[in-house]
């Protein structure tokens, strides 16, 4: 039904009771981290240690898709850094109840929506989605200078809603 897998992560040094990765075609896009039925879904900053799936290399597109998913679900994205100071986006949290079937289905739907947005950005650029990013820019801009706003991981947002990856 879905063109991705959520696999158990083999990443060493990650402090979480449970840790999964969303993988499609050998690329890690998202991490699902938590325990005791509470999980956080975030963009992946690195692949697996054992030569497994590699991280998504298009950070601007990854972060843009994360922001758009949050906008579509009316969730505020949270930017953070991992233990190696690589920036990532916490997209949402999910609590899995005892039976958990509906919760897992909802998680998979949101992950599928994320990948659909990611794919659409790849084929259309920011067209059709830039109005959400203009609103985000307006909310994040410290003044009226029109200068680009830093998001995360070398990714910047311009006043007209375009995202660019300037590296780190």
Protein backbone atom coordinates (compact mmCIF):
# COMPACT_ATOMS: atom_id res chain seq x y z
CA UNK A 1 0.00 0.00 0.00
CA UNK A 2 2.81 2.44 0.84
CA UNK A 3 6.04 2.85 -1.12
CA UNK A 4 8.16 3.16 2.04
CA UNK A 5 9.13 1.11 5.06
CA UNK A 6 9.48 2.04 8.71
CA UNK A 7 12.41 -0.01 9.93
CA UNK A 8 14.17 -0.44 13.26
CA UNK A 9 17.23 1.81 13.27
CA UNK A 10 20.72 0.47 13.89
CA UNK A 11 22.13 3.93 14.60
CA UNK A 12 24.52 3.79 17.56
CA UNK A 13 24.60 6.47 20.21
CA UNK A 14 20.98 7.48 19.75
CA UNK A 15 19.36 7.92 23.14
CA UNK A 16 15.88 6.52 22.76
CA UNK A 17 14.06 3.47 23.99
CA UNK A 18 12.80 2.79 20.47
CA UNK A 19 14.10 4.24 17.23
CA UNK A 20 12.78 3.71 13.71
CA UNK A 21 13.52 5.18 10.31
CA UNK A 22 11.32 5.91 7.32
CA UNK A 23 13.14 4.51 4.29
CA UNK A 24 12.31 4.64 0.60
CA UNK A 25 14.64 3.40 -2.13
CA UNK A 26 17.62 3.19 0.24
CA UNK A 27 17.21 6.73 1.59
CA UNK A 28 16.33 7.74 5.16
CA UNK A 29 13.91 10.67 5.29
CA UNK A 30 12.45 10.63 8.78
CA UNK A 31 13.17 9.17 12.20
CA UNK A 32 10.54 7.94 14.65
CA UNK A 33 11.98 8.17 18.15
CA UNK A 34 10.52 7.52 21.59
CA UNK A 35 9.24 4.91 23.96
CA UNK A 36 6.43 4.16 26.40
CA UNK A 37 3.91 4.69 23.57
CA UNK A 38 5.04 8.30 22.86
CA UNK A 39 7.01 9.02 19.70
CA UNK A 40 8.40 12.06 17.90
CA UNK A 41 8.77 12.15 14.12
CA UNK A 42 11.66 14.24 12.82
CA UNK A 43 13.72 14.79 9.70
CA UNK A 44 16.78 12.56 9.51
CA UNK A 45 20.21 14.20 9.67
CA UNK A 46 22.24 11.03 9.07
CA UNK A 47 21.94 7.54 7.68
CA UNK A 48 22.65 4.31 9.48
CA UNK A 49 26.09 3.47 10.87
CA UNK A 50 26.36 0.02 9.33
CA UNK A 51 26.31 1.08 5.69
CA UNK A 52 22.55 0.80 5.53
CA UNK A 53 20.19 3.44 4.17
CA UNK A 54 21.79 6.82 3.45
CA UNK A 55 20.39 10.20 4.54
CA UNK A 56 18.43 12.37 2.15
CA UNK A 57 20.96 14.68 0.48
CA UNK A 58 18.48 17.37 -0.59
CA UNK A 59 18.20 19.15 2.78
CA UNK A 60 16.31 22.16 1.40
CA UNK A 61 13.64 19.92 -0.09
CA UNK A 62 13.50 17.76 3.07
CA UNK A 63 13.00 20.77 5.32
CA UNK A 64 10.55 22.37 2.90
CA UNK A 65 8.46 19.18 2.85
CA UNK A 66 8.54 19.07 6.65
CA UNK A 67 7.33 22.66 6.91
CA UNK A 68 4.58 22.04 4.35
CA UNK A 69 3.40 18.89 6.13
CA UNK A 70 3.21 20.78 9.41
CA UNK A 71 1.27 23.56 7.68
CA UNK A 72 -1.21 21.10 6.15
CA UNK A 73 -1.83 19.47 9.54
CA UNK A 74 -1.83 22.82 11.38
CA UNK A 75 1.20 21.81 13.48
CA UNK A 76 4.04 24.15 14.45
CA UNK A 77 7.41 22.72 13.31
CA UNK A 78 10.20 22.80 15.88
CA UNK A 79 13.82 23.21 14.84
CA UNK A 80 16.50 21.51 16.92
CA UNK A 81 20.07 20.13 16.74
CA UNK A 82 21.35 16.60 17.22
CA UNK A 83 24.41 15.64 19.30
CA UNK A 84 26.66 16.49 16.32
CA UNK A 85 25.06 19.96 15.98
CA UNK A 86 23.21 18.99 12.77
CA UNK A 87 19.87 20.73 12.57
CA UNK A 88 16.59 18.91 12.05
CA UNK A 89 12.85 19.54 12.21
CA UNK A 90 10.57 17.88 14.75
CA UNK A 91 7.37 17.44 12.75
CA UNK A 92 4.90 15.95 15.19
CA UNK A 93 4.38 13.67 18.16
CA UNK A 94 2.17 10.63 18.26
CA UNK A 95 0.91 8.52 21.14
CA UNK A 96 0.18 4.88 20.40
CA UNK A 97 -2.71 3.55 22.48
CA UNK A 98 -3.13 -0.04 23.65
CA UNK A 99 -4.59 -1.41 20.42
CA UNK A 100 -2.54 1.10 18.40
CA UNK A 101 -3.89 0.10 15.00
CA UNK A 102 -5.51 3.48 14.25
CA UNK A 103 -2.48 5.35 15.59
CA UNK A 104 -0.07 3.42 13.38
CA UNK A 105 -2.37 3.94 10.38
CA UNK A 106 -2.37 7.70 11.12
CA UNK A 107 1.44 7.72 11.41
CA UNK A 108 1.78 5.92 8.07
CA UNK A 109 -0.68 8.34 6.43
CA UNK A 110 1.27 11.36 7.65
CA UNK A 111 4.53 9.78 6.45
CA UNK A 112 2.96 9.08 3.04
CA UNK A 113 1.73 12.69 2.91
CA UNK A 114 5.26 13.89 3.75
CA UNK A 115 6.75 11.87 0.87
CA UNK A 116 4.04 13.08 -1.52
CA UNK A 117 4.89 16.68 -0.62
CA UNK A 118 8.62 15.92 -0.96
CA UNK A 119 8.04 14.43 -4.41
CA UNK A 120 5.81 17.33 -5.51
CA UNK A 121 8.45 19.85 -4.49
CA UNK A 122 10.95 17.94 -6.61
CA UNK A 123 8.80 18.15 -9.71
CA UNK A 124 7.28 21.60 -9.24
CA UNK A 125 9.83 23.52 -7.18
CA UNK A 126 8.06 25.67 -4.61
CA UNK A 127 5.16 26.52 -6.93
CA UNK A 128 1.75 26.16 -5.36
CA UNK A 129 3.18 25.99 -1.86
CA UNK A 130 5.06 29.26 -1.48
CA UNK A 131 2.15 31.14 0.19
CA UNK A 132 2.58 28.99 3.32
CA UNK A 133 6.28 29.74 3.27
CA UNK A 134 5.67 33.48 2.86
CA UNK A 135 3.50 33.29 5.98
CA UNK A 136 6.27 31.39 7.77
CA UNK A 137 8.80 34.03 6.65
CA UNK A 138 6.56 36.82 7.96
CA UNK A 139 6.26 35.05 11.31
CA UNK A 140 10.01 34.38 11.62
CA UNK A 141 11.54 37.57 10.19
CA UNK A 142 13.06 39.67 12.98
CA UNK A 143 12.46 42.94 11.12
CA UNK A 144 11.29 44.41 7.82
CA UNK A 145 14.70 44.29 6.14
CA UNK A 146 13.69 41.54 3.71
CA UNK A 147 16.81 39.54 4.57
CA UNK A 148 16.56 35.76 4.27
CA UNK A 149 15.73 33.81 7.43
CA UNK A 150 17.82 30.84 8.55
CA UNK A 151 15.74 27.67 9.07
CA UNK A 152 18.07 24.75 9.73
CA UNK A 153 20.95 22.71 8.34
CA UNK A 154 22.17 25.45 5.99
CA UNK A 155 18.66 26.04 4.63
CA UNK A 156 17.36 29.60 4.24
CA UNK A 157 13.89 31.02 3.54
CA UNK A 158 13.50 34.14 1.40
CA UNK A 159 10.82 36.82 1.66
CA UNK A 160 9.05 35.41 -1.41
CA UNK A 161 8.77 31.95 0.17
CA UNK A 162 11.58 30.22 -1.70
CA UNK A 163 13.92 27.86 0.13
CA UNK A 164 17.60 27.59 -0.71
CA UNK A 165 20.35 25.32 0.59
CA UNK A 166 23.53 27.28 1.18
CA UNK A 167 25.27 24.43 2.97
CA UNK A 168 26.86 24.82 6.30
